[in-house]
Amino acid sequence: MKTNAVRLLDNLKIEYELREYEVDPDDLTAETVAKKIDFPIDQVFKTLVVRGDKTGVCLGVVPGSMSLDLKSLAKLSGNSDIKVVPLKEVEGLTGYIRGGVTALACKKPYPVYADETITLYDKVSISAGVRGTQILISPNDYIKAVNATIGDICKSDS
């Protein structure tokens, strides 16, 4: 399936692999996706849509085993406060539905902040812009594609 995210990578001549899986609409967690694509959870990155009080909408990209640290992201992005965007607004802002949000080829070019751990791996998994398909890509190519700013924006769930 050619999504906007995949088309972007093709246009940039970036190598990637697509990995499809069966979607359970009642369980869209990164942990479930990692199991279904047989990929380590720390290498499956999820994209969260947030809104800062000064800069507006931005995207936080963190490992599936972690939570977005809103205070750290606020500081990194130049905001005093940052909140997760309500789910009902996500598709209108990004063009993607929950479980399919990616920083690649959003409706608008939002700032993207990826956790620095993304650079620890040869390959990471990100949503292809649709539920049921993940993109396996080198972190450097992903960063190039989204023109991301790297920072430490996650905290342990444990």
N, C-alpha and C. Protein backbone atom coordinates (compact mmCIF):
# COMPACT_ATOMS: atom_id res chain seq x y z
N MET A 1 0.85 -1.18 0.00
CA MET A 1 0.00 0.00 0.00
C MET A 1 0.89 1.24 0.00
N LYS A 2 0.60 2.16 -0.89
CA LYS A 2 1.36 3.40 -0.98
C LYS A 2 0.64 4.51 -0.20
N THR A 3 1.15 4.81 0.97
CA THR A 3 0.62 5.91 1.76
C THR A 3 1.43 7.17 1.44
N ASN A 4 0.98 8.31 1.94
CA ASN A 4 1.74 9.55 1.74
C ASN A 4 3.14 9.44 2.34
N ALA A 5 3.25 8.77 3.47
CA ALA A 5 4.55 8.58 4.11
C ALA A 5 5.48 7.76 3.21
N VAL A 6 4.96 6.70 2.62
CA VAL A 6 5.76 5.85 1.72
C VAL A 6 6.12 6.62 0.45
N ARG A 7 5.18 7.38 -0.07
CA ARG A 7 5.48 8.20 -1.26
C ARG A 7 6.60 9.20 -0.97
N LEU A 8 6.58 9.80 0.22
CA LEU A 8 7.63 10.74 0.60
C LEU A 8 8.99 10.05 0.58
N LEU A 9 9.07 8.87 1.19
CA LEU A 9 10.33 8.13 1.21
C LEU A 9 10.78 7.77 -0.20
N ASP A 10 9.83 7.36 -1.04
CA ASP A 10 10.17 7.04 -2.43
C ASP A 10 10.71 8.28 -3.15
N ASN A 11 10.06 9.42 -2.96
CA ASN A 11 10.50 10.66 -3.61
C ASN A 11 11.89 11.07 -3.15
N LEU A 12 12.21 10.79 -1.88
CA LEU A 12 13.52 11.12 -1.34
C LEU A 12 14.57 10.03 -1.63
N LYS A 13 14.10 8.95 -2.29
CA LYS A 13 14.97 7.80 -2.62
C LYS A 13 15.61 7.21 -1.36
N ILE A 14 14.79 7.09 -0.32
CA ILE A 14 15.23 6.52 0.95
C ILE A 14 14.80 5.06 1.01
N GLU A 15 15.72 4.20 1.39
CA GLU A 15 15.42 2.76 1.51
C GLU A 15 14.61 2.49 2.78
N TYR A 16 13.69 1.56 2.66
CA TYR A 16 12.84 1.17 3.78
C TYR A 16 12.26 -0.20 3.48
N GLU A 17 11.67 -0.79 4.50
CA GLU A 17 10.94 -2.05 4.34
C GLU A 17 9.57 -1.86 4.97
N LEU A 18 8.53 -2.37 4.32
CA LEU A 18 7.18 -2.33 4.90
C LEU A 18 6.92 -3.66 5.59
N ARG A 19 6.32 -3.59 6.75
CA ARG A 19 5.93 -4.79 7.48
C ARG A 19 4.47 -4.65 7.86
N GLU A 20 3.65 -5.53 7.33
CA GLU A 20 2.20 -5.49 7.58
C GLU A 20 1.83 -6.42 8.73
N TYR A 21 0.73 -6.10 9.39
CA TYR A 21 0.25 -6.92 10.49
C TYR A 21 -1.27 -6.77 10.58
N GLU A 22 -1.89 -7.74 11.24
CA GLU A 22 -3.35 -7.70 11.42
C GLU A 22 -3.68 -6.74 12.56
N VAL A 23 -4.61 -5.84 12.30
CA VAL A 23 -4.97 -4.79 13.25
C VAL A 23 -6.10 -5.26 14.17
N ASP A 24 -5.93 -5.03 15.45
CA ASP A 24 -6.99 -5.19 16.43
C ASP A 24 -7.37 -3.78 16.86
N PRO A 25 -8.52 -3.24 16.40
CA PRO A 25 -8.88 -1.86 16.72
C PRO A 25 -9.03 -1.60 18.22
N ASP A 26 -9.16 -2.67 19.01
CA ASP A 26 -9.27 -2.50 20.46
C ASP A 26 -7.91 -2.51 21.16
N ASP A 27 -6.85 -2.79 20.40
CA ASP A 27 -5.51 -2.83 20.98
C ASP A 27 -4.52 -2.27 19.97
N LEU A 28 -4.30 -0.97 20.03
CA LEU A 28 -3.41 -0.29 19.09
C LEU A 28 -2.07 0.07 19.74
N THR A 29 -1.74 -0.60 20.84
CA THR A 29 -0.53 -0.25 21.58
C THR A 29 0.73 -0.62 20.79
N ALA A 30 1.80 0.10 21.10
CA ALA A 30 3.09 -0.19 20.47
C ALA A 30 3.58 -1.59 20.84
N GLU A 31 3.26 -2.03 22.04
CA GLU A 31 3.66 -3.37 22.47
C GLU A 31 3.05 -4.43 21.57
N THR A 32 1.77 -4.28 21.26
CA THR A 32 1.09 -5.23 20.39
C THR A 32 1.66 -5.19 18.98
N VAL A 33 1.90 -3.98 18.47
CA VAL A 33 2.48 -3.84 17.14
C VAL A 33 3.85 -4.51 17.10
N ALA A 34 4.67 -4.29 18.11
CA ALA A 34 6.01 -4.89 18.16
C ALA A 34 5.93 -6.41 18.08
N LYS A 35 5.02 -7.00 18.84
CA LYS A 35 4.86 -8.45 18.81
C LYS A 35 4.42 -8.93 17.43
N LYS A 36 3.47 -8.22 16.84
CA LYS A 36 2.92 -8.65 15.56
C LYS A 36 3.91 -8.53 14.40
N ILE A 37 4.83 -7.57 14.49
CA ILE A 37 5.83 -7.44 13.42
C ILE A 37 7.15 -8.08 13.80
N ASP A 38 7.19 -8.71 14.98
CA ASP A 38 8.38 -9.41 15.47
C ASP A 38 9.59 -8.48 15.47
N PHE A 39 9.43 -7.37 16.20
CA PHE A 39 10.46 -6.34 16.27
C PHE A 39 10.57 -5.89 17.71
N PRO A 40 11.75 -5.58 18.21
CA PRO A 40 11.90 -5.16 19.61
C PRO A 40 11.09 -3.90 19.93
N ILE A 41 10.42 -3.89 21.05
CA ILE A 41 9.56 -2.78 21.46
C ILE A 41 10.33 -1.46 21.54
N ASP A 42 11.57 -1.49 21.96
CA ASP A 42 12.36 -0.25 22.06
C ASP A 42 12.72 0.32 20.70
N GLN A 43 12.54 -0.46 19.64
CA GLN A 43 12.83 0.00 18.29
C GLN A 43 11.55 0.34 17.52
N VAL A 44 10.41 0.17 18.16
CA VAL A 44 9.13 0.58 17.57
C VAL A 44 8.80 1.95 18.15
N PHE A 45 8.85 2.97 17.30
CA PHE A 45 8.64 4.34 17.76
C PHE A 45 7.22 4.80 17.45
N LYS A 46 6.62 5.44 18.44
CA LYS A 46 5.26 5.96 18.29
C LYS A 46 5.31 7.49 18.19
N THR A 47 4.37 8.04 17.46
CA THR A 47 4.31 9.48 17.24
C THR A 47 3.09 10.04 17.94
N LEU A 48 3.32 11.01 18.82
CA LEU A 48 2.24 11.64 19.58
C LEU A 48 2.10 13.10 19.17
N VAL A 49 0.85 13.53 19.05
CA VAL A 49 0.56 14.90 18.64
C VAL A 49 0.29 15.72 19.90
N VAL A 50 1.05 16.80 20.05
CA VAL A 50 0.93 17.66 21.23
C VAL A 50 0.79 19.12 20.80
N ARG A 51 0.37 19.95 21.74
CA ARG A 51 0.23 21.38 21.45
C ARG A 51 0.88 22.18 22.57
N GLY A 52 1.82 23.03 22.19
CA GLY A 52 2.49 23.91 23.13
C GLY A 52 1.76 25.22 23.27
N ASP A 53 1.91 25.85 24.44
CA ASP A 53 1.22 27.12 24.69
C ASP A 53 1.82 28.28 23.89
N LYS A 54 3.03 28.13 23.38
CA LYS A 54 3.67 29.21 22.61
C LYS A 54 3.86 28.86 21.15
N THR A 55 4.24 27.62 20.86
CA THR A 55 4.58 27.26 19.48
C THR A 55 3.51 26.48 18.74
N GLY A 56 2.48 26.05 19.45
CA GLY A 56 1.41 25.30 18.80
C GLY A 56 1.72 23.83 18.66
N VAL A 57 1.19 23.21 17.62
CA VAL A 57 1.27 21.76 17.43
C VAL A 57 2.69 21.34 17.07
N CYS A 58 3.11 20.23 17.69
CA CYS A 58 4.35 19.56 17.31
C CYS A 58 4.18 18.07 17.55
N LEU A 59 5.13 17.30 17.08
CA LEU A 59 5.06 15.85 17.20
C LEU A 59 6.21 15.34 18.05
N GLY A 60 5.90 14.44 18.97
CA GLY A 60 6.91 13.78 19.80
C GLY A 60 7.01 12.33 19.39
N VAL A 61 8.21 11.87 19.11
CA VAL A 61 8.44 10.50 18.65
C VAL A 61 9.28 9.79 19.71
N VAL A 62 8.69 8.76 20.33
CA VAL A 62 9.34 8.06 21.43
C VAL A 62 9.24 6.54 21.25
N PRO A 63 10.16 5.81 21.88
CA PRO A 63 10.09 4.34 21.81
C PRO A 63 8.76 3.84 22.39
N GLY A 64 8.30 2.73 21.85
CA GLY A 64 7.03 2.15 22.28
C GLY A 64 6.98 1.78 23.74
N SER A 65 8.14 1.57 24.36
CA SER A 65 8.19 1.19 25.77
C SER A 65 8.22 2.40 26.71
N MET A 66 8.20 3.60 26.15
CA MET A 66 8.34 4.81 26.95
C MET A 66 7.11 5.70 26.81
N SER A 67 7.02 6.68 27.70
CA SER A 67 5.97 7.70 27.63
C SER A 67 6.63 9.03 27.28
N LEU A 68 5.90 9.87 26.63
CA LEU A 68 6.39 11.20 26.29
C LEU A 68 6.48 12.03 27.56
N ASP A 69 7.63 12.62 27.82
CA ASP A 69 7.83 13.49 28.97
C ASP A 69 7.44 14.89 28.53
N LEU A 70 6.24 15.30 28.87
CA LEU A 70 5.70 16.58 28.41
C LEU A 70 6.51 17.78 28.91
N LYS A 71 7.02 17.70 30.14
CA LYS A 71 7.81 18.81 30.68
C LYS A 71 9.11 18.98 29.89
N SER A 72 9.77 17.88 29.59
CA SER A 72 11.02 17.94 28.82
C SER A 72 10.77 18.45 27.41
N LEU A 73 9.68 17.98 26.81
CA LEU A 73 9.37 18.44 25.45
C LEU A 73 9.00 19.92 25.45
N ALA A 74 8.29 20.37 26.47
CA ALA A 74 7.94 21.80 26.56
C ALA A 74 9.22 22.63 26.59
N LYS A 75 10.15 22.25 27.43
CA LYS A 75 11.41 22.99 27.55
C LYS A 75 12.19 22.96 26.24
N LEU A 76 12.30 21.78 25.65
CA LEU A 76 13.04 21.61 24.40
C LEU A 76 12.43 22.42 23.26
N SER A 77 11.11 22.51 23.24
CA SER A 77 10.42 23.18 22.13
C SER A 77 10.15 24.66 22.38
N GLY A 78 10.56 25.19 23.53
CA GLY A 78 10.36 26.60 23.81
C GLY A 78 8.99 26.95 24.34
N ASN A 79 8.32 25.98 24.93
CA ASN A 79 7.00 26.19 25.51
C ASN A 79 7.07 26.17 27.03
N SER A 80 6.10 26.84 27.67
CA SER A 80 5.99 26.77 29.13
C SER A 80 5.17 25.55 29.52
N ASP A 81 4.22 25.21 28.64
CA ASP A 81 3.31 24.09 28.90
C ASP A 81 3.02 23.41 27.58
N ILE A 82 2.85 22.10 27.63
CA ILE A 82 2.51 21.33 26.44
C ILE A 82 1.55 20.23 26.85
N LYS A 83 0.55 20.00 26.03
CA LYS A 83 -0.46 18.99 26.33
C LYS A 83 -0.69 18.10 25.11
N VAL A 84 -1.06 16.86 25.37
CA VAL A 84 -1.41 15.95 24.29
C VAL A 84 -2.70 16.46 23.65
N VAL A 85 -2.74 16.48 22.33
CA VAL A 85 -3.91 16.93 21.60
C VAL A 85 -5.03 15.91 21.77
N PRO A 86 -6.27 16.36 22.00
CA PRO A 86 -7.38 15.41 22.09
C PRO A 86 -7.49 14.55 20.84
N LEU A 87 -7.79 13.28 21.02
CA LEU A 87 -7.87 12.32 19.92
C LEU A 87 -8.77 12.79 18.78
N LYS A 88 -9.86 13.47 19.12
CA LYS A 88 -10.80 13.93 18.08
C LYS A 88 -10.18 14.96 17.14
N GLU A 89 -9.06 15.58 17.53
CA GLU A 89 -8.39 16.59 16.70
C GLU A 89 -7.24 16.02 15.88
N VAL A 90 -6.76 14.84 16.21
CA VAL A 90 -5.54 14.30 15.61
C VAL A 90 -5.67 14.14 14.09
N GLU A 91 -6.72 13.53 13.61
CA GLU A 91 -6.85 13.31 12.17
C GLU A 91 -6.94 14.62 11.40
N GLY A 92 -7.69 15.58 11.92
CA GLY A 92 -7.80 16.87 11.26
C GLY A 92 -6.47 17.61 11.17
N LEU A 93 -5.64 17.44 12.18
CA LEU A 93 -4.33 18.12 12.19
C LEU A 93 -3.29 17.41 11.33
N THR A 94 -3.29 16.09 11.37
CA THR A 94 -2.22 15.32 10.73
C THR A 94 -2.63 14.63 9.43
N GLY A 95 -3.91 14.32 9.31
CA GLY A 95 -4.35 13.50 8.19
C GLY A 95 -4.30 12.02 8.50
N TYR A 96 -3.91 11.68 9.73
CA TYR A 96 -3.77 10.28 10.14
C TYR A 96 -4.66 9.96 11.33
N ILE A 97 -5.12 8.70 11.40
CA ILE A 97 -5.95 8.27 12.52
C ILE A 97 -5.08 7.63 13.60
N ARG A 98 -5.64 7.53 14.80
CA ARG A 98 -4.94 6.88 15.91
C ARG A 98 -4.48 5.49 15.47
N GLY A 99 -3.25 5.18 15.77
CA GLY A 99 -2.68 3.90 15.36
C GLY A 99 -2.01 3.99 14.00
N GLY A 100 -2.12 5.13 13.35
CA GLY A 100 -1.50 5.32 12.04
C GLY A 100 -0.76 6.65 11.92
N VAL A 101 -0.60 7.34 13.05
CA VAL A 101 0.05 8.66 13.01
C VAL A 101 1.55 8.49 12.78
N THR A 102 2.07 9.28 11.87
CA THR A 102 3.49 9.32 11.58
C THR A 102 3.89 10.76 11.34
N ALA A 103 5.16 11.05 11.55
CA ALA A 103 5.67 12.40 11.29
C ALA A 103 5.95 12.61 9.81
N LEU A 104 5.88 11.56 9.02
CA LEU A 104 6.15 11.65 7.59
C LEU A 104 4.91 12.10 6.83
N ALA A 105 5.02 13.19 6.11
CA ALA A 105 3.98 13.67 5.19
C ALA A 105 2.65 13.99 5.88
N CYS A 106 2.73 14.66 7.03
CA CYS A 106 1.51 15.15 7.68
C CYS A 106 0.85 16.20 6.80
N LYS A 107 -0.39 16.52 7.14
CA LYS A 107 -1.12 17.57 6.42
C LYS A 107 -0.35 18.89 6.40
N LYS A 108 0.30 19.19 7.52
CA LYS A 108 1.09 20.42 7.66
C LYS A 108 2.47 20.04 8.19
N PRO A 109 3.47 20.86 7.93
CA PRO A 109 4.83 20.58 8.42
C PRO A 109 5.04 21.00 9.87
N TYR A 110 4.73 20.11 10.79
CA TYR A 110 4.91 20.40 12.22
C TYR A 110 6.34 20.11 12.65
N PRO A 111 6.83 20.82 13.66
CA PRO A 111 8.13 20.46 14.23
C PRO A 111 8.06 19.05 14.82
N VAL A 112 9.13 18.30 14.64
CA VAL A 112 9.19 16.92 15.12
C VAL A 112 10.37 16.80 16.08
N TYR A 113 10.09 16.21 17.24
CA TYR A 113 11.10 15.98 18.26
C TYR A 113 11.18 14.48 18.52
N ALA A 114 12.28 13.87 18.09
CA ALA A 114 12.46 12.43 18.28
C ALA A 114 13.39 12.19 19.46
N ASP A 115 13.06 11.21 20.28
CA ASP A 115 13.91 10.88 21.40
C ASP A 115 15.29 10.45 20.90
N GLU A 116 16.31 10.87 21.61
CA GLU A 116 17.68 10.60 21.19
C GLU A 116 18.01 9.12 21.08
N THR A 117 17.26 8.25 21.75
CA THR A 117 17.55 6.81 21.67
C THR A 117 17.30 6.25 20.28
N ILE A 118 16.62 6.99 19.44
CA ILE A 118 16.37 6.52 18.08
C ILE A 118 17.68 6.24 17.34
N THR A 119 18.73 6.96 17.70
CA THR A 119 20.02 6.82 17.01
C THR A 119 20.82 5.61 17.47
N LEU A 120 20.32 4.88 18.45
CA LEU A 120 21.03 3.71 18.98
C LEU A 120 20.91 2.48 18.09
N TYR A 121 19.98 2.50 17.15
CA TYR A 121 19.64 1.31 16.39
C TYR A 121 19.98 1.44 14.91
N ASP A 122 20.20 0.28 14.27
CA ASP A 122 20.40 0.26 12.82
C ASP A 122 19.08 0.49 12.10
N LYS A 123 18.00 -0.05 12.66
CA LYS A 123 16.67 0.09 12.07
C LYS A 123 15.67 0.38 13.17
N VAL A 124 14.68 1.19 12.85
CA VAL A 124 13.55 1.44 13.74
C VAL A 124 12.27 1.23 12.95
N SER A 125 11.19 1.07 13.68
CA SER A 125 9.87 0.89 13.09
C SER A 125 9.02 2.11 13.41
N ILE A 126 8.37 2.63 12.38
CA ILE A 126 7.45 3.76 12.55
C ILE A 126 6.19 3.45 11.75
N SER A 127 5.11 4.10 12.07
CA SER A 127 3.87 3.89 11.32
C SER A 127 4.03 4.36 9.89
N ALA A 128 3.40 3.62 8.99
CA ALA A 128 3.42 3.99 7.57
C ALA A 128 2.32 4.99 7.24
N GLY A 129 1.59 5.44 8.25
CA GLY A 129 0.51 6.39 8.01
C GLY A 129 -0.84 5.73 7.88
N VAL A 130 -0.89 4.47 8.24
CA VAL A 130 -2.13 3.69 8.21
C VAL A 130 -2.00 2.57 9.23
N ARG A 131 -3.09 2.20 9.83
CA ARG A 131 -3.05 1.05 10.74
C ARG A 131 -2.73 -0.20 9.94
N GLY A 132 -1.89 -1.06 10.52
CA GLY A 132 -1.60 -2.35 9.90
C GLY A 132 -0.34 -2.39 9.06
N THR A 133 0.36 -1.27 8.97
CA THR A 133 1.62 -1.26 8.22
C THR A 133 2.65 -0.40 8.94
N GLN A 134 3.83 -0.96 9.13
CA GLN A 134 4.94 -0.25 9.73
C GLN A 134 6.06 -0.11 8.70
N ILE A 135 6.82 0.95 8.84
CA ILE A 135 8.00 1.16 8.02
C ILE A 135 9.23 0.85 8.86
N LEU A 136 10.10 -0.02 8.36
CA LEU A 136 11.39 -0.25 8.99
C LEU A 136 12.40 0.59 8.21
N ILE A 137 13.13 1.43 8.93
CA ILE A 137 13.97 2.43 8.30
C ILE A 137 15.18 2.72 9.19
N SER A 138 16.26 3.16 8.59
CA SER A 138 17.40 3.57 9.41
C SER A 138 17.04 4.88 10.10
N PRO A 139 17.46 5.06 11.34
CA PRO A 139 17.15 6.29 12.06
C PRO A 139 17.64 7.55 11.33
N ASN A 140 18.83 7.48 10.74
CA ASN A 140 19.35 8.65 10.03
C ASN A 140 18.47 9.02 8.85
N ASP A 141 17.97 8.02 8.14
CA ASP A 141 17.07 8.30 7.01
C ASP A 141 15.73 8.84 7.50
N TYR A 142 15.25 8.29 8.61
CA TYR A 142 14.00 8.81 9.19
C TYR A 142 14.18 10.27 9.60
N ILE A 143 15.26 10.56 10.28
CA ILE A 143 15.53 11.93 10.73
C ILE A 143 15.65 12.86 9.53
N LYS A 144 16.33 12.39 8.52
CA LYS A 144 16.44 13.19 7.29
C LYS A 144 15.06 13.47 6.70
N ALA A 145 14.21 12.46 6.68
CA ALA A 145 12.89 12.59 6.07
C ALA A 145 11.99 13.56 6.83
N VAL A 146 12.10 13.61 8.10
CA VAL A 146 11.23 14.51 8.88
C VAL A 146 11.94 15.78 9.31
N ASN A 147 13.25 15.87 9.01
CA ASN A 147 14.03 17.04 9.38
C ASN A 147 13.89 17.29 10.88
N ALA A 148 14.09 16.19 11.65
CA ALA A 148 13.79 16.20 13.08
C ALA A 148 14.85 16.85 13.93
N THR A 149 14.44 17.32 15.08
CA THR A 149 15.33 17.79 16.13
C THR A 149 15.38 16.69 17.18
N ILE A 150 16.58 16.24 17.52
CA ILE A 150 16.73 15.15 18.47
C ILE A 150 16.89 15.71 19.88
N GLY A 151 16.19 15.10 20.82
CA GLY A 151 16.29 15.50 22.23
C GLY A 151 15.81 14.39 23.13
N ASP A 152 16.00 14.53 24.40
CA ASP A 152 15.59 13.53 25.37
C ASP A 152 14.21 13.90 25.89
N ILE A 153 13.16 13.28 25.32
CA ILE A 153 11.79 13.69 25.65
C ILE A 153 10.95 12.54 26.16
N CYS A 154 11.55 11.47 26.63
CA CYS A 154 10.71 10.39 27.15
C CYS A 154 11.10 10.04 28.57
N LYS A 155 10.19 9.33 29.21
CA LYS A 155 10.45 8.86 30.57
C LYS A 155 10.01 7.41 30.65
N SER A 156 10.58 6.68 31.53
CA SER A 156 10.27 5.26 31.66
C SER A 156 8.85 5.06 32.17
N ASP A 157 8.18 4.04 31.62
CA ASP A 157 6.83 3.69 32.10
C ASP A 157 6.89 2.86 33.37
N SER A 158 8.06 2.34 33.70
CA SER A 158 8.16 1.45 34.87
C SER A 158 8.39 2.21 36.15
